[in-house]
Amino acid sequence: MNEAYKELLIQQTDKTPQVVAIILVAATFVQALCAVLVHPLFFVGVLVSGILAYVLGFRRITTEYEFTYMDKELRIDRIYNRSKRKHMEDLDLNKMEILAKNDSDKIKSYENRQCTNTNYSTNEDNTETLKNYTMYYDGKRRIMFSFDEEMIECIRRIAPMKVENFK
């Protein structure tokens, strides 16, 4: 049995949904006040801004990513508010070109490529347990991750030449 299995759950620290929710709740409150004091037609605005606050803000207050590595595949799921799970993609690690830390010299030679960017990282600088990595995948994509050392070791076992060794 030559299979490896590893799961990693990270929380993305993006404050945009929280700010949008606060602004829309404030707009809802102001429109409700106007509906009571000025004209009942403002209740339409209350309804619209309340629905927008729910859809744009409260449904995505916390965003987590779950990375599951198994047998040369990396499965990525996005979890909203610790309850709604959405499968994002499966990455075949045989198509990976390079995986290195963001500040690595090896990764700088790839920066001039025209690639689509995907961000699955925490949006923070390196912490004690999680480090930020960049993967160039299939010649067309640049994918940013936040991995711990155990996940990097699992990937390094199957593609040692593609994962930068920086111990």
C-alpha atoms as a PDB file:
ATOM      1  CA  MET A   1       0.000   0.000   0.000  1.00  0.00           C
ATOM      2  CA  ASN A   2       1.795   3.082  -1.243  1.00  0.00           C
ATOM      3  CA  GLU A   3      -0.948   5.646  -0.683  1.00  0.00           C
ATOM      4  CA  ALA A   4      -0.725   8.751   1.438  1.00  0.00           C
ATOM      5  CA  TYR A   5      -3.676  10.610   2.920  1.00  0.00           C
ATOM      6  CA  LYS A   6      -3.624  14.038   4.495  1.00  0.00           C
ATOM      7  CA  GLU A   7      -6.306  16.621   5.269  1.00  0.00           C
ATOM      8  CA  LEU A   8      -5.741  20.273   6.053  1.00  0.00           C
ATOM      9  CA  LEU A   9      -8.336  22.880   6.979  1.00  0.00           C
ATOM     10  CA  ILE A  10      -7.477  26.583   6.816  1.00  0.00           C
ATOM     11  CA  GLN A  11      -9.579  29.675   7.409  1.00  0.00           C
ATOM     12  CA  GLN A  12      -9.307  32.531   4.942  1.00  0.00           C
ATOM     13  CA  THR A  13      -9.120  35.942   6.595  1.00  0.00           C
ATOM     14  CA  ASP A  14     -11.041  38.099   4.148  1.00  0.00           C
ATOM     15  CA  LYS A  15     -12.928  40.961   5.805  1.00  0.00           C
ATOM     16  CA  THR A  16     -14.816  42.031   2.661  1.00  0.00           C
ATOM     17  CA  PRO A  17     -18.028  40.011   3.335  1.00  0.00           C
ATOM     18  CA  GLN A  18     -18.170  41.352   6.883  1.00  0.00           C
ATOM     19  CA  VAL A  19     -17.792  44.957   5.722  1.00  0.00           C
ATOM     20  CA  VAL A  20     -20.425  44.480   3.005  1.00  0.00           C
ATOM     21  CA  ALA A  21     -22.831  42.967   5.543  1.00  0.00           C
ATOM     22  CA  ILE A  22     -22.337  45.849   7.982  1.00  0.00           C
ATOM     23  CA  ILE A  23     -22.880  48.465   5.266  1.00  0.00           C
ATOM     24  CA  LEU A  24     -26.020  46.742   3.982  1.00  0.00           C
ATOM     25  CA  VAL A  25     -27.454  46.308   7.499  1.00  0.00           C
ATOM     26  CA  ALA A  26     -26.845  50.025   8.133  1.00  0.00           C
ATOM     27  CA  ALA A  27     -28.586  50.854   4.835  1.00  0.00           C
ATOM     28  CA  THR A  28     -31.496  48.613   5.824  1.00  0.00           C
ATOM     29  CA  PHE A  29     -31.799  50.382   9.168  1.00  0.00           C
ATOM     30  CA  VAL A  30     -31.723  53.854   7.578  1.00  0.00           C
ATOM     31  CA  GLN A  31     -34.328  52.863   4.985  1.00  0.00           C
ATOM     32  CA  ALA A  32     -36.572  51.364   7.668  1.00  0.00           C
ATOM     33  CA  LEU A  33     -36.308  54.617   9.602  1.00  0.00           C
ATOM     34  CA  CYS A  34     -37.188  56.580   6.435  1.00  0.00           C
ATOM     35  CA  ALA A  35     -40.120  54.236   5.784  1.00  0.00           C
ATOM     36  CA  VAL A  36     -41.547  54.952   9.212  1.00  0.00           C
ATOM     37  CA  LEU A  37     -40.865  58.704   9.241  1.00  0.00           C
ATOM     38  CA  VAL A  38     -41.121  59.755   5.570  1.00  0.00           C
ATOM     39  CA  HIS A  39     -42.989  57.404   3.249  1.00  0.00           C
ATOM     40  CA  PRO A  40     -43.983  53.717   3.357  1.00  0.00           C
ATOM     41  CA  LEU A  41     -42.493  53.201  -0.117  1.00  0.00           C
ATOM     42  CA  PHE A  42     -39.080  52.962   1.545  1.00  0.00           C
ATOM     43  CA  PHE A  43     -40.064  49.467   2.748  1.00  0.00           C
ATOM     44  CA  VAL A  44     -39.191  48.238  -0.755  1.00  0.00           C
ATOM     45  CA  GLY A  45     -35.621  49.436  -0.141  1.00  0.00           C
ATOM     46  CA  VAL A  46     -35.652  47.732   3.253  1.00  0.00           C
ATOM     47  CA  LEU A  47     -36.619  44.462   1.602  1.00  0.00           C
ATOM     48  CA  VAL A  48     -34.016  44.755  -1.177  1.00  0.00           C
ATOM     49  CA  SER A  49     -31.127  45.753   1.101  1.00  0.00           C
ATOM     50  CA  GLY A  50     -32.082  43.055   3.618  1.00  0.00           C
ATOM     51  CA  ILE A  51     -31.967  40.371   0.927  1.00  0.00           C
ATOM     52  CA  LEU A  52     -28.662  41.738  -0.398  1.00  0.00           C
ATOM     53  CA  ALA A  53     -27.194  41.744   3.117  1.00  0.00           C
ATOM     54  CA  TYR A  54     -28.086  38.085   3.496  1.00  0.00           C
ATOM     55  CA  VAL A  55     -26.909  36.979   0.051  1.00  0.00           C
ATOM     56  CA  LEU A  56     -23.719  39.047  -0.224  1.00  0.00           C
ATOM     57  CA  GLY A  57     -22.667  39.259   3.392  1.00  0.00           C
ATOM     58  CA  PHE A  58     -24.004  36.821   5.930  1.00  0.00           C
ATOM     59  CA  ARG A  59     -23.846  33.678   3.787  1.00  0.00           C
ATOM     60  CA  ARG A  60     -20.075  34.098   3.426  1.00  0.00           C
ATOM     61  CA  ILE A  61     -18.913  35.608   6.715  1.00  0.00           C
ATOM     62  CA  THR A  62     -16.325  32.863   7.264  1.00  0.00           C
ATOM     63  CA  THR A  63     -14.624  31.006   4.437  1.00  0.00           C
ATOM     64  CA  GLU A  64     -12.543  27.898   5.022  1.00  0.00           C
ATOM     65  CA  TYR A  65     -10.693  25.692   2.586  1.00  0.00           C
ATOM     66  CA  GLU A  66     -10.236  21.977   3.059  1.00  0.00           C
ATOM     67  CA  PHE A  67      -7.340  20.389   1.200  1.00  0.00           C
ATOM     68  CA  THR A  68      -7.424  16.615   0.926  1.00  0.00           C
ATOM     69  CA  TYR A  69      -4.378  14.894  -0.512  1.00  0.00           C
ATOM     70  CA  MET A  70      -4.720  11.283  -1.594  1.00  0.00           C
ATOM     71  CA  ASP A  71      -2.772   9.277  -4.127  1.00  0.00           C
ATOM     72  CA  LYS A  72      -1.315  12.071  -6.308  1.00  0.00           C
ATOM     73  CA  GLU A  73      -4.481  14.170  -6.204  1.00  0.00           C
ATOM     74  CA  LEU A  74      -5.307  17.291  -4.265  1.00  0.00           C
ATOM     75  CA  ARG A  75      -9.018  17.881  -3.670  1.00  0.00           C
ATOM     76  CA  ILE A  76     -10.066  21.408  -2.706  1.00  0.00           C
ATOM     77  CA  ASP A  77     -13.381  22.244  -1.033  1.00  0.00           C
ATOM     78  CA  ARG A  78     -14.648  25.648   0.108  1.00  0.00           C
ATOM     79  CA  ILE A  79     -16.742  25.782   3.283  1.00  0.00           C
ATOM     80  CA  TYR A  80     -18.947  28.800   4.037  1.00  0.00           C
ATOM     81  CA  ASN A  81     -19.983  29.541   7.637  1.00  0.00           C
ATOM     82  CA  ARG A  82     -18.836  26.062   8.707  1.00  0.00           C
ATOM     83  CA  SER A  83     -21.943  24.522   7.169  1.00  0.00           C
ATOM     84  CA  LYS A  84     -22.123  24.812   3.367  1.00  0.00           C
ATOM     85  CA  ARG A  85     -19.506  22.861   1.440  1.00  0.00           C
ATOM     86  CA  LYS A  86     -18.699  23.454  -2.212  1.00  0.00           C
ATOM     87  CA  HIS A  87     -16.277  21.303  -4.177  1.00  0.00           C
ATOM     88  CA  MET A  88     -13.876  23.613  -6.000  1.00  0.00           C
ATOM     89  CA  GLU A  89     -11.584  21.314  -7.976  1.00  0.00           C
ATOM     90  CA  ASP A  90      -9.353  18.246  -8.097  1.00  0.00           C
ATOM     91  CA  LEU A  91      -5.725  18.830  -9.014  1.00  0.00           C
ATOM     92  CA  ASP A  92      -3.709  16.015 -10.576  1.00  0.00           C
ATOM     93  CA  LEU A  93      -0.243  16.596  -9.135  1.00  0.00           C
ATOM     94  CA  ASN A  94       1.399  14.983 -12.165  1.00  0.00           C
ATOM     95  CA  LYS A  95       0.469  18.184 -14.057  1.00  0.00           C
ATOM     96  CA  MET A  96       2.158  20.404 -11.458  1.00  0.00           C
ATOM     97  CA  GLU A  97       5.187  22.293 -12.790  1.00  0.00           C
ATOM     98  CA  ILE A  98       6.573  23.701  -9.550  1.00  0.00           C
ATOM     99  CA  LEU A  99       5.523  24.227  -5.937  1.00  0.00           C
ATOM    100  CA  ALA A 100       7.591  26.671  -3.903  1.00  0.00           C
ATOM    101  CA  LYS A 101       7.290  29.345  -1.243  1.00  0.00           C
ATOM    102  CA  ASN A 102       6.137  32.723  -2.477  1.00  0.00           C
ATOM    103  CA  ASP A 103       9.466  34.392  -1.709  1.00  0.00           C
ATOM    104  CA  SER A 104      11.547  31.681  -3.384  1.00  0.00           C
ATOM    105  CA  ASP A 105      14.058  32.452  -6.137  1.00  0.00           C
ATOM    106  CA  LYS A 106      12.813  29.485  -8.164  1.00  0.00           C
ATOM    107  CA  ILE A 107       9.286  30.854  -8.339  1.00  0.00           C
ATOM    108  CA  LYS A 108      10.455  34.292  -9.503  1.00  0.00           C
ATOM    109  CA  SER A 109      11.479  32.894 -12.899  1.00  0.00           C
ATOM    110  CA  TYR A 110       7.837  31.917 -13.524  1.00  0.00           C
ATOM    111  CA  GLU A 111       6.325  35.322 -12.653  1.00  0.00           C
ATOM    112  CA  ASN A 112       6.331  36.733 -16.197  1.00  0.00           C
ATOM    113  CA  ARG A 113       3.961  34.065 -17.498  1.00  0.00           C
ATOM    114  CA  GLN A 114       0.436  34.930 -18.497  1.00  0.00           C
ATOM    115  CA  CYS A 115      -1.582  32.761 -16.097  1.00  0.00           C
ATOM    116  CA  THR A 116      -4.940  32.821 -14.425  1.00  0.00           C
ATOM    117  CA  ASN A 117      -4.623  33.278 -10.682  1.00  0.00           C
ATOM    118  CA  THR A 118      -6.497  31.276  -8.062  1.00  0.00           C
ATOM    119  CA  ASN A 119      -6.118  32.023  -4.362  1.00  0.00           C
ATOM    120  CA  TYR A 120      -6.720  29.282  -1.790  1.00  0.00           C
ATOM    121  CA  SER A 121      -4.485  30.843   0.860  1.00  0.00           C
ATOM    122  CA  THR A 122      -5.266  32.469   4.200  1.00  0.00           C
ATOM    123  CA  ASN A 123      -4.441  35.968   2.847  1.00  0.00           C
ATOM    124  CA  GLU A 124      -1.945  36.373   5.679  1.00  0.00           C
ATOM    125  CA  ASP A 125       1.814  36.292   5.783  1.00  0.00           C
ATOM    126  CA  ASN A 126       3.553  33.126   6.888  1.00  0.00           C
ATOM    127  CA  THR A 127       2.602  31.930  10.350  1.00  0.00           C
ATOM    128  CA  GLU A 128       4.300  29.371  12.583  1.00  0.00           C
ATOM    129  CA  THR A 129       2.350  26.431  11.189  1.00  0.00           C
ATOM    130  CA  LEU A 130       1.178  27.605   7.749  1.00  0.00           C
ATOM    131  CA  LYS A 131       3.432  28.883   4.972  1.00  0.00           C
ATOM    132  CA  ASN A 132       2.337  30.483   1.707  1.00  0.00           C
ATOM    133  CA  TYR A 133       3.160  28.547  -1.458  1.00  0.00           C
ATOM    134  CA  THR A 134       2.645  29.091  -5.155  1.00  0.00           C
ATOM    135  CA  MET A 135       1.999  26.283  -7.614  1.00  0.00           C
ATOM    136  CA  TYR A 136       2.228  26.603 -11.366  1.00  0.00           C
ATOM    137  CA  TYR A 137      -0.178  24.060 -12.762  1.00  0.00           C
ATOM    138  CA  ASP A 138      -0.543  22.752 -16.308  1.00  0.00           C
ATOM    139  CA  GLY A 139       1.223  25.750 -17.841  1.00  0.00           C
ATOM    140  CA  LYS A 140      -1.875  27.932 -17.552  1.00  0.00           C
ATOM    141  CA  ARG A 141      -2.560  28.546 -13.878  1.00  0.00           C
ATOM    142  CA  ARG A 142      -0.907  30.051 -10.824  1.00  0.00           C
ATOM    143  CA  ILE A 143      -2.485  28.761  -7.605  1.00  0.00           C
ATOM    144  CA  MET A 144      -1.686  30.192  -4.167  1.00  0.00           C
ATOM    145  CA  PHE A 145      -1.954  27.940  -1.114  1.00  0.00           C
ATOM    146  CA  SER A 146      -1.272  27.979   2.615  1.00  0.00           C
ATOM    147  CA  PHE A 147       0.143  24.591   3.605  1.00  0.00           C
ATOM    148  CA  ASP A 148       1.744  23.114   6.670  1.00  0.00           C
ATOM    149  CA  GLU A 149       4.949  21.101   6.540  1.00  0.00           C
ATOM    150  CA  GLU A 150       3.165  17.716   6.630  1.00  0.00           C
ATOM    151  CA  MET A 151       1.187  18.513   3.477  1.00  0.00           C
ATOM    152  CA  ILE A 152       4.351  19.638   1.691  1.00  0.00           C
ATOM    153  CA  GLU A 153       6.078  16.388   2.690  1.00  0.00           C
ATOM    154  CA  CYS A 154       3.219  14.342   1.206  1.00  0.00           C
ATOM    155  CA  ILE A 155       3.473  16.225  -2.076  1.00  0.00           C
ATOM    156  CA  ARG A 156       7.282  16.100  -2.029  1.00  0.00           C
ATOM    157  CA  ARG A 157       7.207  12.297  -1.783  1.00  0.00           C
ATOM    158  CA  ILE A 158       5.492  11.928  -5.156  1.00  0.00           C
ATOM    159  CA  ALA A 159       7.211  14.825  -6.979  1.00  0.00           C
ATOM    160  CA  PRO A 160      10.566  15.590  -5.341  1.00  0.00           C
ATOM    161  CA  MET A 161      11.954  17.507  -8.328  1.00  0.00           C
ATOM    162  CA  LYS A 162       8.901  19.771  -8.588  1.00  0.00           C
ATOM    163  CA  VAL A 163       8.726  20.778  -4.932  1.00  0.00           C
ATOM    164  CA  GLU A 164      11.443  23.139  -3.821  1.00  0.00           C
ATOM    165  CA  ASN A 165      13.506  21.720  -0.990  1.00  0.00           C
ATOM    166  CA  PHE A 166      14.051  24.545   1.494  1.00  0.00           C
ATOM    167  CA  LYS A 167      14.800  22.903   4.783  1.00  0.00           C
END
